Amino acid sequence: MAIIYATRRFSTTSISEETKLSLFTRLKSEIKNGMKRKDQLKLNVVRGILSDITYASKSTSQTTTDGVPTNQEIYATINRAIKRRQESISRFSQAGRNDLVENEQSELNILVSYLPEQMSENEIEIEVKKFIKKIDISGLKGLKDFSRIMKEIKIDSSKAPRKLVADAVKKVLSDMNK
C-alpha cells in the first residue's frame, strides 16, 4: 500500500507544473521559507506585498475567478511598493538617516528580485519607434500624439515603468520634430 501511495504522490506533481507557479504562489512559499530561515527582513517585505495585494483585490474586483490575483496585478503592486521605498530613501538621505536608508535599500532589493528583467531605455525607445511607424503618424500634433501613443502602446508595465515609456515617447516625438 505504501508503494501505491508513493506512486500517486509523485505522479500528481510534475516538474512542468512546478515551473509554472504563479507569482502569488511563489510569494506564499517565500513566507514559509522566510520563517524557516528566520529571515525577518524578507519575511516583513513579503508579508507587506501580500497585504498590499489583499487590500488592492478588495478595493477592485479585477482578480481571477479563483480569487488569485494575476501576475500583472502583483507586478503593479510591487512597483508601487518600490516607488514608496525610493521616495523614502531620498527623504531619509536628505535627513542624514543612513541607518534607515540602508534598511529601505535592503527592502528595495528584495522587491526588485520579484520583478522580471527590466527593459533598458534604448530597448524602450526602439519599441516606441516601432509603434510610431506601425500607427504611421503623419503631421505631428505634439501633445495629441503623445496622448494617443501612451493610450495605445502596449509595453508590459512590469518590464518598463510607464514613466520611462512616457519619457521615451517624448524623446522620440521631439527627435521627429527636428
Protein backbone atom coordinates (compact mmCIF):
# COMPACT_ATOMS: atom_id res chain seq x y z
CA MET A 1 0.00 0.00 0.00
CA ALA A 2 2.88 2.38 0.66
CA ILE A 3 4.14 1.79 -2.88
CA ILE A 4 0.80 2.84 -4.38
CA TYR A 5 0.73 5.95 -2.23
CA ALA A 6 4.25 6.91 -3.26
CA THR A 7 3.42 6.35 -6.93
CA ARG A 8 0.34 8.56 -6.73
CA ARG A 9 2.21 11.19 -4.77
CA PHE A 10 4.94 11.57 -7.37
CA SER A 11 2.65 11.31 -10.38
CA THR A 12 0.38 14.18 -9.31
CA THR A 13 3.07 16.86 -9.40
CA SER A 14 5.24 17.17 -12.44
CA ILE A 15 8.26 19.35 -12.96
CA SER A 16 6.45 21.45 -15.57
CA GLU A 17 3.72 22.31 -13.05
CA GLU A 18 6.31 23.46 -10.53
CA THR A 19 7.95 25.79 -13.06
CA LYS A 20 4.59 27.38 -13.89
CA LEU A 21 3.95 28.56 -10.35
CA SER A 22 2.30 31.93 -10.25
CA LEU A 23 3.99 34.81 -8.53
CA PHE A 24 1.29 34.72 -5.87
CA THR A 25 2.13 31.10 -5.05
CA ARG A 26 5.82 31.96 -5.02
CA LEU A 27 5.22 34.78 -2.53
CA LYS A 28 3.19 32.46 -0.29
CA SER A 29 6.03 29.92 -0.30
CA GLU A 30 8.54 32.70 0.43
CA ILE A 31 6.75 33.35 3.72
CA LYS A 32 7.26 29.73 4.75
CA ASN A 33 10.91 29.82 3.67
CA GLY A 34 11.47 33.12 5.48
CA MET A 35 10.09 31.66 8.69
CA LYS A 36 12.25 28.56 8.38
CA ARG A 37 15.39 30.63 7.73
CA LYS A 38 14.42 33.28 10.29
CA ASP A 39 14.99 35.99 7.67
CA GLN A 40 12.91 38.70 9.32
CA LEU A 41 13.60 41.39 6.70
CA LYS A 42 12.47 39.28 3.75
CA LEU A 43 9.55 37.97 5.76
CA ASN A 44 8.36 41.51 6.53
CA VAL A 45 8.71 42.61 2.90
CA VAL A 46 6.81 39.61 1.52
CA ARG A 47 4.09 39.98 4.13
CA GLY A 48 3.79 43.63 3.18
CA ILE A 49 3.44 42.74 -0.52
CA LEU A 50 0.78 40.15 0.23
CA SER A 51 -1.04 42.64 2.45
CA ASP A 52 -0.98 45.24 -0.33
CA ILE A 53 -2.24 42.63 -2.82
CA THR A 54 -5.10 41.67 -0.50
CA TYR A 55 -6.03 45.32 0.02
CA ALA A 56 -5.93 46.01 -3.72
CA SER A 57 -8.03 42.94 -4.52
CA LYS A 58 -10.70 44.02 -2.03
CA SER A 59 -10.83 47.56 -3.42
CA THR A 60 -11.11 46.34 -7.02
CA SER A 61 -12.67 43.20 -8.41
CA GLN A 62 -10.00 42.50 -11.02
CA THR A 63 -8.77 39.20 -9.62
CA THR A 64 -9.34 35.98 -11.46
CA THR A 65 -12.33 33.77 -10.77
CA ASP A 66 -10.48 31.64 -8.22
CA GLY A 67 -9.55 34.70 -6.13
CA VAL A 68 -5.86 34.60 -7.02
CA PRO A 69 -4.55 37.88 -8.45
CA THR A 70 -2.84 37.84 -11.82
CA ASN A 71 0.89 38.35 -12.14
CA GLN A 72 0.29 41.76 -13.75
CA GLU A 73 -1.68 42.93 -10.71
CA ILE A 74 1.09 41.70 -8.43
CA TYR A 75 3.74 43.44 -10.53
CA ALA A 76 1.77 46.68 -10.29
CA THR A 77 1.59 46.30 -6.51
CA ILE A 78 5.32 45.60 -6.29
CA ASN A 79 6.08 48.62 -8.48
CA ARG A 80 4.05 50.84 -6.14
CA ALA A 81 5.99 49.44 -3.16
CA ILE A 82 9.27 50.08 -4.99
CA LYS A 83 8.25 53.67 -5.67
CA ARG A 84 7.43 54.17 -1.97
CA ARG A 85 10.84 52.77 -0.98
CA GLN A 86 12.65 55.03 -3.46
CA GLU A 87 10.85 58.09 -2.09
CA SER A 88 11.71 57.04 1.46
CA ILE A 89 15.35 56.55 0.53
CA SER A 90 15.59 60.04 -0.94
CA ARG A 91 13.90 61.61 2.10
CA PHE A 92 15.99 59.68 4.60
CA SER A 93 19.21 60.51 2.78
CA GLN A 94 18.30 64.20 2.79
CA ALA A 95 17.70 63.97 6.53
CA GLY A 96 21.03 62.19 7.05
CA ARG A 97 19.47 58.98 8.37
CA ASN A 98 21.84 56.45 6.78
CA ASP A 99 20.59 53.63 9.03
CA LEU A 100 17.08 54.00 7.61
CA VAL A 101 18.44 54.38 4.09
CA GLU A 102 20.24 51.03 4.39
CA ASN A 103 17.07 49.33 5.65
CA GLU A 104 14.93 50.77 2.84
CA GLN A 105 17.59 49.84 0.27
CA SER A 106 17.59 46.24 1.53
CA GLU A 107 13.81 46.11 1.22
CA LEU A 108 14.03 47.66 -2.24
CA ASN A 109 16.49 44.97 -3.36
CA ILE A 110 14.12 42.25 -2.17
CA LEU A 111 11.19 43.83 -4.02
CA VAL A 112 13.15 44.19 -7.25
CA SER A 113 14.04 40.49 -7.13
CA TYR A 114 10.37 39.63 -7.75
CA LEU A 115 10.10 41.68 -10.95
CA PRO A 116 11.04 40.33 -14.36
CA GLU A 117 14.13 41.68 -16.09
CA GLN A 118 13.65 45.37 -16.81
CA MET A 119 13.94 46.85 -20.29
CA SER A 120 16.71 49.37 -20.86
CA GLU A 121 15.95 52.91 -22.05
CA ASN A 122 17.29 52.04 -25.51
CA GLU A 123 15.01 49.00 -25.76
CA ILE A 124 12.03 51.12 -24.77
CA GLU A 125 12.91 53.75 -27.38
CA ILE A 126 13.19 51.06 -30.05
CA GLU A 127 9.75 49.73 -29.13
CA VAL A 128 8.29 53.24 -29.21
CA LYS A 129 9.81 53.91 -32.65
CA LYS A 130 8.40 50.61 -33.95
CA PHE A 131 4.98 51.52 -32.59
CA ILE A 132 5.05 55.00 -34.12
CA LYS A 133 5.99 53.52 -37.50
CA LYS A 134 3.23 50.94 -37.13
CA ILE A 135 0.50 53.51 -36.49
CA ASP A 136 2.03 55.84 -39.12
CA ILE A 137 1.78 59.23 -37.51
CA SER A 138 1.99 61.97 -40.10
CA GLY A 139 1.90 65.66 -39.30
CA LEU A 140 2.84 65.59 -35.64
CA LYS A 141 0.50 67.48 -33.34
CA GLY A 142 2.60 67.32 -30.19
CA LEU A 143 0.52 66.62 -27.11
CA LYS A 144 -2.30 64.93 -29.05
CA ASP A 145 0.13 62.42 -30.49
CA PHE A 146 1.73 61.88 -27.09
CA SER A 147 -1.66 61.10 -25.53
CA ARG A 148 -2.62 58.80 -28.39
CA ILE A 149 0.65 56.91 -28.26
CA MET A 150 0.56 56.49 -24.48
CA LYS A 151 -3.01 55.24 -24.67
CA GLU A 152 -2.36 52.68 -27.39
CA ILE A 153 1.20 51.48 -26.77
CA LYS A 154 1.39 48.04 -25.22
CA ILE A 155 4.67 47.70 -23.35
CA ASP A 156 4.49 45.42 -20.34
CA SER A 157 4.47 47.68 -17.28
CA SER A 158 6.29 45.04 -15.24
CA LYS A 159 9.28 45.29 -17.61
CA ALA A 160 9.14 49.03 -18.28
CA PRO A 161 7.57 51.54 -15.89
CA ARG A 162 5.11 53.93 -17.55
CA LYS A 163 7.26 56.93 -16.62
CA LEU A 164 10.18 55.57 -18.63
CA VAL A 165 7.86 54.81 -21.54
CA ALA A 166 6.47 58.36 -21.38
CA ASP A 167 9.98 59.80 -21.33
CA ALA A 168 10.92 57.68 -24.35
CA VAL A 169 7.79 58.79 -26.25
CA LYS A 170 8.58 62.44 -25.51
CA LYS A 171 12.16 61.97 -26.68
CA VAL A 172 11.17 60.20 -29.91
CA LEU A 173 8.50 62.81 -30.69
CA SER A 174 10.93 65.67 -30.07
CA ASP A 175 13.51 63.99 -32.33
CA MET A 176 10.86 63.66 -35.06
CA ASN A 177 10.00 67.38 -34.80
CA LYS A 178 13.61 68.41 -35.51
